[in-house]
Amino acid sequence: MVQESTFKINLTEIEGEGEISCPSCGTVISPEDDSEKAYEITEIISREDGSMEKIIVNCKKCKSIIHLKGFELLDEVTEFEDSKKEVD
């Protein structure tokens, strides 16, 4: 029986545009990859206001479970873009 590992990654603490490596096997997990060959999104957890709090993904290579958090900056960008649309 293969034991699954669980990891937590705060996206505000990484460089780049959201691409990470699986902490267990190094498989690249990218938000641009929608093929689901490297990973699978198993759950999206939202706050009461509907904004994203956490995404849970499974690495398909090693079966690790990865909790991704740190979407606050994404919320700020969305709010900024919405405020620009109101001005235009």
PDB file of N, CA and C in Angstrom:
ATOM      1  N   MET A   1       0.834  -1.183   0.000  1.00  0.00           N
ATOM      2  CA  MET A   1       0.000   0.000   0.000  1.00  0.00           C
ATOM      3  C   MET A   1       0.881   1.250   0.000  1.00  0.00           C
ATOM      4  N   VAL A   2       0.598   2.197  -0.898  1.00  0.00           N
ATOM      5  CA  VAL A   2       1.364   3.428  -1.018  1.00  0.00           C
ATOM      6  C   VAL A   2       0.802   4.464  -0.059  1.00  0.00           C
ATOM      7  N   GLN A   3       1.683   5.072   0.740  1.00  0.00           N
ATOM      8  CA  GLN A   3       1.243   6.098   1.671  1.00  0.00           C
ATOM      9  C   GLN A   3       1.283   7.446   0.974  1.00  0.00           C
ATOM     10  N   GLU A   4       0.176   8.171   1.044  1.00  0.00           N
ATOM     11  CA  GLU A   4       0.110   9.493   0.443  1.00  0.00           C
ATOM     12  C   GLU A   4       0.677  10.525   1.403  1.00  0.00           C
ATOM     13  N   SER A   5       1.443  11.459   0.879  1.00  0.00           N
ATOM     14  CA  SER A   5       1.981  12.555   1.679  1.00  0.00           C
ATOM     15  C   SER A   5       1.101  13.775   1.479  1.00  0.00           C
ATOM     16  N   THR A   6       1.017  14.608   2.501  1.00  0.00           N
ATOM     17  CA  THR A   6       0.234  15.833   2.420  1.00  0.00           C
ATOM     18  C   THR A   6       1.160  17.017   2.666  1.00  0.00           C
ATOM     19  N   PHE A   7       1.019  18.047   1.826  1.00  0.00           N
ATOM     20  CA  PHE A   7       1.849  19.241   1.918  1.00  0.00           C
ATOM     21  C   PHE A   7       0.968  20.474   1.873  1.00  0.00           C
ATOM     22  N   LYS A   8       1.461  21.562   2.461  1.00  0.00           N
ATOM     23  CA  LYS A   8       0.789  22.855   2.396  1.00  0.00           C
ATOM     24  C   LYS A   8       1.755  23.844   1.767  1.00  0.00           C
ATOM     25  N   ILE A   9       1.279  24.567   0.758  1.00  0.00           N
ATOM     26  CA  ILE A   9       2.115  25.557   0.077  1.00  0.00           C
ATOM     27  C   ILE A   9       1.374  26.878   0.063  1.00  0.00           C
ATOM     28  N   ASN A  10       2.054  27.933   0.516  1.00  0.00           N
ATOM     29  CA  ASN A  10       1.509  29.280   0.477  1.00  0.00           C
ATOM     30  C   ASN A  10       2.038  29.941  -0.789  1.00  0.00           C
ATOM     31  N   LEU A  11       1.151  30.237  -1.709  1.00  0.00           N
ATOM     32  CA  LEU A  11       1.555  30.782  -3.004  1.00  0.00           C
ATOM     33  C   LEU A  11       2.174  32.174  -2.898  1.00  0.00           C
ATOM     34  N   THR A  12       1.922  32.883  -1.799  1.00  0.00           N
ATOM     35  CA  THR A  12       2.533  34.206  -1.634  1.00  0.00           C
ATOM     36  C   THR A  12       4.014  34.109  -1.324  1.00  0.00           C
ATOM     37  N   GLU A  13       4.483  32.919  -1.010  1.00  0.00           N
ATOM     38  CA  GLU A  13       5.891  32.725  -0.649  1.00  0.00           C
ATOM     39  C   GLU A  13       6.730  32.131  -1.778  1.00  0.00           C
ATOM     40  N   ILE A  14       6.142  31.993  -2.961  1.00  0.00           N
ATOM     41  CA  ILE A  14       6.896  31.444  -4.086  1.00  0.00           C
ATOM     42  C   ILE A  14       7.094  32.515  -5.139  1.00  0.00           C
ATOM     43  N   GLU A  15       8.104  32.325  -5.981  1.00  0.00           N
ATOM     44  CA  GLU A  15       8.342  33.241  -7.090  1.00  0.00           C
ATOM     45  C   GLU A  15       7.689  32.689  -8.339  1.00  0.00           C
ATOM     46  N   GLY A  16       7.429  33.543  -9.296  1.00  0.00           N
ATOM     47  CA  GLY A  16       6.838  33.106 -10.554  1.00  0.00           C
ATOM     48  C   GLY A  16       5.360  33.434 -10.623  1.00  0.00           C
ATOM     49  N   GLU A  17       4.684  32.711 -11.476  1.00  0.00           N
ATOM     50  CA  GLU A  17       3.280  32.998 -11.750  1.00  0.00           C
ATOM     51  C   GLU A  17       2.362  31.862 -11.320  1.00  0.00           C
ATOM     52  N   GLY A  18       2.689  31.219 -10.210  1.00  0.00           N
ATOM     53  CA  GLY A  18       1.830  30.181  -9.675  1.00  0.00           C
ATOM     54  C   GLY A  18       2.282  28.768  -9.957  1.00  0.00           C
ATOM     55  N   GLU A  19       3.335  28.617 -10.726  1.00  0.00           N
ATOM     56  CA  GLU A  19       3.870  27.288 -11.023  1.00  0.00           C
ATOM     57  C   GLU A  19       4.675  26.797  -9.827  1.00  0.00           C
ATOM     58  N   ILE A  20       4.423  25.558  -9.418  1.00  0.00           N
ATOM     59  CA  ILE A  20       5.157  24.967  -8.300  1.00  0.00           C
ATOM     60  C   ILE A  20       5.640  23.575  -8.702  1.00  0.00           C
ATOM     61  N   SER A  21       6.535  23.040  -7.910  1.00  0.00           N
ATOM     62  CA  SER A  21       6.951  21.644  -8.064  1.00  0.00           C
ATOM     63  C   SER A  21       6.369  20.860  -6.905  1.00  0.00           C
ATOM     64  N   CYS A  22       5.929  19.650  -7.175  1.00  0.00           N
ATOM     65  CA  CYS A  22       5.434  18.789  -6.107  1.00  0.00           C
ATOM     66  C   CYS A  22       6.555  18.620  -5.092  1.00  0.00           C
ATOM     67  N   PRO A  23       6.297  18.889  -3.816  1.00  0.00           N
ATOM     68  CA  PRO A  23       7.334  18.766  -2.796  1.00  0.00           C
ATOM     69  C   PRO A  23       7.870  17.347  -2.641  1.00  0.00           C
ATOM     70  N   SER A  24       7.135  16.352  -3.096  1.00  0.00           N
ATOM     71  CA  SER A  24       7.556  14.968  -2.938  1.00  0.00           C
ATOM     72  C   SER A  24       8.368  14.468  -4.123  1.00  0.00           C
ATOM     73  N   CYS A  25       7.856  14.668  -5.340  1.00  0.00           N
ATOM     74  CA  CYS A  25       8.508  14.071  -6.509  1.00  0.00           C
ATOM     75  C   CYS A  25       9.056  15.083  -7.516  1.00  0.00           C
ATOM     76  N   GLY A  26       8.724  16.365  -7.360  1.00  0.00           N
ATOM     77  CA  GLY A  26       9.246  17.390  -8.254  1.00  0.00           C
ATOM     78  C   GLY A  26       8.435  17.624  -9.518  1.00  0.00           C
ATOM     79  N   THR A  27       7.328  16.918  -9.708  1.00  0.00           N
ATOM     80  CA  THR A  27       6.478  17.138 -10.878  1.00  0.00           C
ATOM     81  C   THR A  27       6.019  18.585 -10.907  1.00  0.00           C
ATOM     82  N   VAL A  28       6.103  19.222 -12.072  1.00  0.00           N
ATOM     83  CA  VAL A  28       5.686  20.615 -12.209  1.00  0.00           C
ATOM     84  C   VAL A  28       4.163  20.685 -12.235  1.00  0.00           C
ATOM     85  N   ILE A  29       3.631  21.530 -11.365  1.00  0.00           N
ATOM     86  CA  ILE A  29       2.197  21.765 -11.278  1.00  0.00           C
ATOM     87  C   ILE A  29       1.975  23.224 -11.643  1.00  0.00           C
ATOM     88  N   SER A  30       1.328  23.442 -12.773  1.00  0.00           N
ATOM     89  CA  SER A  30       1.150  24.785 -13.302  1.00  0.00           C
ATOM     90  C   SER A  30      -0.326  25.096 -13.499  1.00  0.00           C
ATOM     91  N   PRO A  31      -0.744  26.316 -13.140  1.00  0.00           N
ATOM     92  CA  PRO A  31      -2.135  26.695 -13.389  1.00  0.00           C
ATOM     93  C   PRO A  31      -2.455  26.778 -14.886  1.00  0.00           C
ATOM     94  N   GLU A  32      -1.430  26.860 -15.715  1.00  0.00           N
ATOM     95  CA  GLU A  32      -1.628  26.917 -17.169  1.00  0.00           C
ATOM     96  C   GLU A  32      -1.888  25.539 -17.771  1.00  0.00           C
ATOM     97  N   ASP A  33      -1.572  24.477 -17.031  1.00  0.00           N
ATOM     98  CA  ASP A  33      -1.737  23.107 -17.524  1.00  0.00           C
ATOM     99  C   ASP A  33      -3.143  22.621 -17.197  1.00  0.00           C
ATOM    100  N   ASP A  34      -4.011  22.616 -18.186  1.00  0.00           N
ATOM    101  CA  ASP A  34      -5.377  22.152 -17.951  1.00  0.00           C
ATOM    102  C   ASP A  34      -5.601  20.737 -18.485  1.00  0.00           C
ATOM    103  N   SER A  35      -4.509  20.032 -18.779  1.00  0.00           N
ATOM    104  CA  SER A  35      -4.613  18.681 -19.331  1.00  0.00           C
ATOM    105  C   SER A  35      -4.904  17.636 -18.252  1.00  0.00           C
ATOM    106  N   GLU A  36      -4.652  17.977 -16.992  1.00  0.00           N
ATOM    107  CA  GLU A  36      -4.801  17.071 -15.849  1.00  0.00           C
ATOM    108  C   GLU A  36      -3.898  15.834 -15.963  1.00  0.00           C
ATOM    109  N   LYS A  37      -2.788  15.950 -16.689  1.00  0.00           N
ATOM    110  CA  LYS A  37      -1.830  14.845 -16.763  1.00  0.00           C
ATOM    111  C   LYS A  37      -0.931  14.819 -15.537  1.00  0.00           C
ATOM    112  N   ALA A  38      -0.558  15.979 -15.004  1.00  0.00           N
ATOM    113  CA  ALA A  38       0.362  16.051 -13.875  1.00  0.00           C
ATOM    114  C   ALA A  38      -0.363  16.087 -12.532  1.00  0.00           C
ATOM    115  N   TYR A  39      -1.523  16.700 -12.502  1.00  0.00           N
ATOM    116  CA  TYR A  39      -2.239  16.858 -11.236  1.00  0.00           C
ATOM    117  C   TYR A  39      -3.733  16.940 -11.491  1.00  0.00           C
ATOM    118  N   GLU A  40      -4.476  16.791 -10.401  1.00  0.00           N
ATOM    119  CA  GLU A  40      -5.934  16.877 -10.466  1.00  0.00           C
ATOM    120  C   GLU A  40      -6.415  17.754  -9.314  1.00  0.00           C
ATOM    121  N   ILE A  41      -7.270  18.713  -9.627  1.00  0.00           N
ATOM    122  CA  ILE A  41      -7.879  19.528  -8.576  1.00  0.00           C
ATOM    123  C   ILE A  41      -8.987  18.694  -7.948  1.00  0.00           C
ATOM    124  N   THR A  42      -8.880  18.482  -6.642  1.00  0.00           N
ATOM    125  CA  THR A  42      -9.889  17.661  -5.971  1.00  0.00           C
ATOM    126  C   THR A  42     -10.898  18.485  -5.186  1.00  0.00           C
ATOM    127  N   GLU A  43     -10.506  19.705  -4.798  1.00  0.00           N
ATOM    128  CA  GLU A  43     -11.453  20.528  -4.035  1.00  0.00           C
ATOM    129  C   GLU A  43     -11.042  21.992  -4.106  1.00  0.00           C
ATOM    130  N   ILE A  44     -12.032  22.854  -4.233  1.00  0.00           N
ATOM    131  CA  ILE A  44     -11.826  24.301  -4.157  1.00  0.00           C
ATOM    132  C   ILE A  44     -12.630  24.786  -2.962  1.00  0.00           C
ATOM    133  N   ILE A  45     -11.951  25.441  -2.027  1.00  0.00           N
ATOM    134  CA  ILE A  45     -12.603  25.918  -0.813  1.00  0.00           C
ATOM    135  C   ILE A  45     -12.701  27.442  -0.891  1.00  0.00           C
ATOM    136  N   SER A  46     -13.915  27.951  -0.730  1.00  0.00           N
ATOM    137  CA  SER A  46     -14.173  29.386  -0.831  1.00  0.00           C
ATOM    138  C   SER A  46     -14.515  29.979   0.530  1.00  0.00           C
ATOM    139  N   ARG A  47     -14.251  31.277   0.650  1.00  0.00           N
ATOM    140  CA  ARG A  47     -14.649  32.005   1.851  1.00  0.00           C
ATOM    141  C   ARG A  47     -16.137  32.355   1.741  1.00  0.00           C
ATOM    142  N   GLU A  48     -16.690  32.919   2.804  1.00  0.00           N
ATOM    143  CA  GLU A  48     -18.106  33.289   2.802  1.00  0.00           C
ATOM    144  C   GLU A  48     -18.438  34.301   1.712  1.00  0.00           C
ATOM    145  N   ASP A  49     -17.470  35.173   1.372  1.00  0.00           N
ATOM    146  CA  ASP A  49     -17.728  36.190   0.351  1.00  0.00           C
ATOM    147  C   ASP A  49     -17.557  35.653  -1.072  1.00  0.00           C
ATOM    148  N   GLY A  50     -17.241  34.370  -1.194  1.00  0.00           N
ATOM    149  CA  GLY A  50     -17.100  33.749  -2.507  1.00  0.00           C
ATOM    150  C   GLY A  50     -15.684  33.744  -3.048  1.00  0.00           C
ATOM    151  N   SER A  51     -14.762  34.441  -2.390  1.00  0.00           N
ATOM    152  CA  SER A  51     -13.375  34.454  -2.852  1.00  0.00           C
ATOM    153  C   SER A  51     -12.702  33.134  -2.494  1.00  0.00           C
ATOM    154  N   MET A  52     -11.672  32.801  -3.250  1.00  0.00           N
ATOM    155  CA  MET A  52     -10.992  31.526  -3.077  1.00  0.00           C
ATOM    156  C   MET A  52     -10.093  31.549  -1.836  1.00  0.00           C
ATOM    157  N   GLU A  53     -10.220  30.524  -1.008  1.00  0.00           N
ATOM    158  CA  GLU A  53      -9.378  30.395   0.179  1.00  0.00           C
ATOM    159  C   GLU A  53      -8.273  29.372  -0.026  1.00  0.00           C
ATOM    160  N   LYS A  54      -8.633  28.221  -0.617  1.00  0.00           N
ATOM    161  CA  LYS A  54      -7.668  27.128  -0.749  1.00  0.00           C
ATOM    162  C   LYS A  54      -8.081  26.223  -1.902  1.00  0.00           C
ATOM    163  N   ILE A  55      -7.087  25.648  -2.563  1.00  0.00           N
ATOM    164  CA  ILE A  55      -7.317  24.624  -3.584  1.00  0.00           C
ATOM    165  C   ILE A  55      -6.532  23.392  -3.155  1.00  0.00           C
ATOM    166  N   ILE A  56      -7.156  22.247  -3.244  1.00  0.00           N
ATOM    167  CA  ILE A  56      -6.481  20.993  -2.921  1.00  0.00           C
ATOM    168  C   ILE A  56      -6.280  20.223  -4.216  1.00  0.00           C
ATOM    169  N   VAL A  57      -5.022  19.854  -4.488  1.00  0.00           N
ATOM    170  CA  VAL A  57      -4.689  19.109  -5.706  1.00  0.00           C
ATOM    171  C   VAL A  57      -3.990  17.812  -5.336  1.00  0.00           C
ATOM    172  N   ASN A  58      -4.095  16.844  -6.215  1.00  0.00           N
ATOM    173  CA  ASN A  58      -3.388  15.572  -6.068  1.00  0.00           C
ATOM    174  C   ASN A  58      -2.373  15.464  -7.191  1.00  0.00           C
ATOM    175  N   CYS A  59      -1.128  15.188  -6.842  1.00  0.00           N
ATOM    176  CA  CYS A  59      -0.093  14.922  -7.835  1.00  0.00           C
ATOM    177  C   CYS A  59      -0.372  13.530  -8.404  1.00  0.00           C
ATOM    178  N   LYS A  60      -0.457  13.435  -9.706  1.00  0.00           N
ATOM    179  CA  LYS A  60      -0.775  12.144 -10.309  1.00  0.00           C
ATOM    180  C   LYS A  60       0.425  11.201 -10.344  1.00  0.00           C
ATOM    181  N   LYS A  61       1.641  11.758 -10.224  1.00  0.00           N
ATOM    182  CA  LYS A  61       2.820  10.900 -10.262  1.00  0.00           C
ATOM    183  C   LYS A  61       3.036  10.174  -8.940  1.00  0.00           C
ATOM    184  N   CYS A  62       3.012  10.894  -7.827  1.00  0.00           N
ATOM    185  CA  CYS A  62       3.328  10.279  -6.534  1.00  0.00           C
ATOM    186  C   CYS A  62       2.123  10.198  -5.595  1.00  0.00           C
ATOM    187  N   LYS A  63       0.997  10.724  -6.040  1.00  0.00           N
ATOM    188  CA  LYS A  63      -0.262  10.693  -5.261  1.00  0.00           C
ATOM    189  C   LYS A  63      -0.250  11.601  -4.034  1.00  0.00           C
ATOM    190  N   SER A  64       0.701  12.540  -3.951  1.00  0.00           N
ATOM    191  CA  SER A  64       0.716  13.486  -2.840  1.00  0.00           C
ATOM    192  C   SER A  64      -0.492  14.404  -2.911  1.00  0.00           C
ATOM    193  N   ILE A  65      -0.950  14.824  -1.742  1.00  0.00           N
ATOM    194  CA  ILE A  65      -2.044  15.779  -1.626  1.00  0.00           C
ATOM    195  C   ILE A  65      -1.418  17.122  -1.277  1.00  0.00           C
ATOM    196  N   ILE A  66      -1.746  18.153  -2.058  1.00  0.00           N
ATOM    197  CA  ILE A  66      -1.120  19.462  -1.875  1.00  0.00           C
ATOM    198  C   ILE A  66      -2.214  20.500  -1.648  1.00  0.00           C
ATOM    199  N   HIS A  67      -2.138  21.185  -0.501  1.00  0.00           N
ATOM    200  CA  HIS A  67      -3.069  22.255  -0.163  1.00  0.00           C
ATOM    201  C   HIS A  67      -2.417  23.573  -0.580  1.00  0.00           C
ATOM    202  N   LEU A  68      -3.027  24.271  -1.515  1.00  0.00           N
ATOM    203  CA  LEU A  68      -2.508  25.549  -1.979  1.00  0.00           C
ATOM    204  C   LEU A  68      -3.318  26.665  -1.355  1.00  0.00           C
ATOM    205  N   LYS A  69      -2.628  27.586  -0.699  1.00  0.00           N
ATOM    206  CA  LYS A  69      -3.309  28.744  -0.128  1.00  0.00           C
ATOM    207  C   LYS A  69      -2.527  29.992  -0.509  1.00  0.00           C
ATOM    208  N   GLY A  70      -3.053  31.163  -0.158  1.00  0.00           N
ATOM    209  CA  GLY A  70      -2.364  32.409  -0.478  1.00  0.00           C
ATOM    210  C   GLY A  70      -2.974  33.120  -1.668  1.00  0.00           C
ATOM    211  N   PHE A  71      -4.277  33.063  -1.789  1.00  0.00           N
ATOM    212  CA  PHE A  71      -4.957  33.692  -2.918  1.00  0.00           C
ATOM    213  C   PHE A  71      -5.374  35.130  -2.627  1.00  0.00           C
ATOM    214  N   GLU A  72      -4.922  35.693  -1.504  1.00  0.00           N
ATOM    215  CA  GLU A  72      -5.297  37.052  -1.138  1.00  0.00           C
ATOM    216  C   GLU A  72      -4.844  38.063  -2.190  1.00  0.00           C
ATOM    217  N   LEU A  73      -3.645  37.889  -2.740  1.00  0.00           N
ATOM    218  CA  LEU A  73      -3.140  38.802  -3.757  1.00  0.00           C
ATOM    219  C   LEU A  73      -4.026  38.758  -4.998  1.00  0.00           C
ATOM    220  N   LEU A  74      -4.511  37.587  -5.359  1.00  0.00           N
ATOM    221  CA  LEU A  74      -5.434  37.451  -6.483  1.00  0.00           C
ATOM    222  C   LEU A  74      -6.701  38.256  -6.224  1.00  0.00           C
ATOM    223  N   ASP A  75      -7.195  38.239  -4.995  1.00  0.00           N
ATOM    224  CA  ASP A  75      -8.369  39.034  -4.633  1.00  0.00           C
ATOM    225  C   ASP A  75      -8.094  40.520  -4.815  1.00  0.00           C
ATOM    226  N   GLU A  76      -6.898  40.969  -4.406  1.00  0.00           N
ATOM    227  CA  GLU A  76      -6.537  42.383  -4.533  1.00  0.00           C
ATOM    228  C   GLU A  76      -6.459  42.791  -6.004  1.00  0.00           C
ATOM    229  N   VAL A  77      -5.895  41.944  -6.848  1.00  0.00           N
ATOM    230  CA  VAL A  77      -5.800  42.245  -8.279  1.00  0.00           C
ATOM    231  C   VAL A  77      -7.194  42.338  -8.887  1.00  0.00           C
ATOM    232  N   THR A  78      -8.075  41.428  -8.529  1.00  0.00           N
ATOM    233  CA  THR A  78      -9.439  41.432  -9.044  1.00  0.00           C
ATOM    234  C   THR A  78     -10.163  42.700  -8.618  1.00  0.00           C
ATOM    235  N   GLU A  79     -10.017  43.094  -7.345  1.00  0.00           N
ATOM    236  CA  GLU A  79     -10.647  44.317  -6.864  1.00  0.00           C
ATOM    237  C   GLU A  79     -10.112  45.527  -7.607  1.00  0.00           C
ATOM    238  N   PHE A  80      -8.798  45.577  -7.869  1.00  0.00           N
ATOM    239  CA  PHE A  80      -8.182  46.675  -8.597  1.00  0.00           C
ATOM    240  C   PHE A  80      -8.728  46.763 -10.007  1.00  0.00           C
ATOM    241  N   GLU A  81      -8.801  45.617 -10.706  1.00  0.00           N
ATOM    242  CA  GLU A  81      -9.311  45.597 -12.069  1.00  0.00           C
ATOM    243  C   GLU A  81     -10.773  46.000 -12.111  1.00  0.00           C
ATOM    244  N   ASP A  82     -11.554  45.589 -11.132  1.00  0.00           N
ATOM    245  CA  ASP A  82     -12.970  45.978 -11.071  1.00  0.00           C
ATOM    246  C   ASP A  82     -13.111  47.477 -10.866  1.00  0.00           C
ATOM    247  N   SER A  83     -12.245  48.064 -10.028  1.00  0.00           N
ATOM    248  CA  SER A  83     -12.322  49.502  -9.782  1.00  0.00           C
ATOM    249  C   SER A  83     -11.908  50.287 -11.023  1.00  0.00           C
ATOM    250  N   LYS A  84     -10.958  49.768 -11.821  1.00  0.00           N
ATOM    251  CA  LYS A  84     -10.558  50.422 -13.066  1.00  0.00           C
ATOM    252  C   LYS A  84     -11.701  50.420 -14.069  1.00  0.00           C
ATOM    253  N   LYS A  85     -12.471  49.338 -14.133  1.00  0.00           N
ATOM    254  CA  LYS A  85     -13.596  49.254 -15.065  1.00  0.00           C
ATOM    255  C   LYS A  85     -14.656  50.294 -14.734  1.00  0.00           C
ATOM    256  N   GLU A  86     -14.860  50.552 -13.434  1.00  0.00           N
ATOM    257  CA  GLU A  86     -15.855  51.537 -13.023  1.00  0.00           C
ATOM    258  C   GLU A  86     -15.451  52.931 -13.463  1.00  0.00           C
ATOM    259  N   VAL A  87     -14.135  53.237 -13.486  1.00  0.00           N
ATOM    260  CA  VAL A  87     -13.638  54.553 -13.866  1.00  0.00           C
ATOM    261  C   VAL A  87     -13.724  54.747 -15.378  1.00  0.00           C
ATOM    262  N   ASP A  88     -13.447  53.687 -16.143  1.00  0.00           N
ATOM    263  CA  ASP A  88     -13.437  53.781 -17.616  1.00  0.00           C
ATOM    264  C   ASP A  88     -14.793  54.032 -18.131  1.00  0.00           C
TER     265      ASP A  88
END
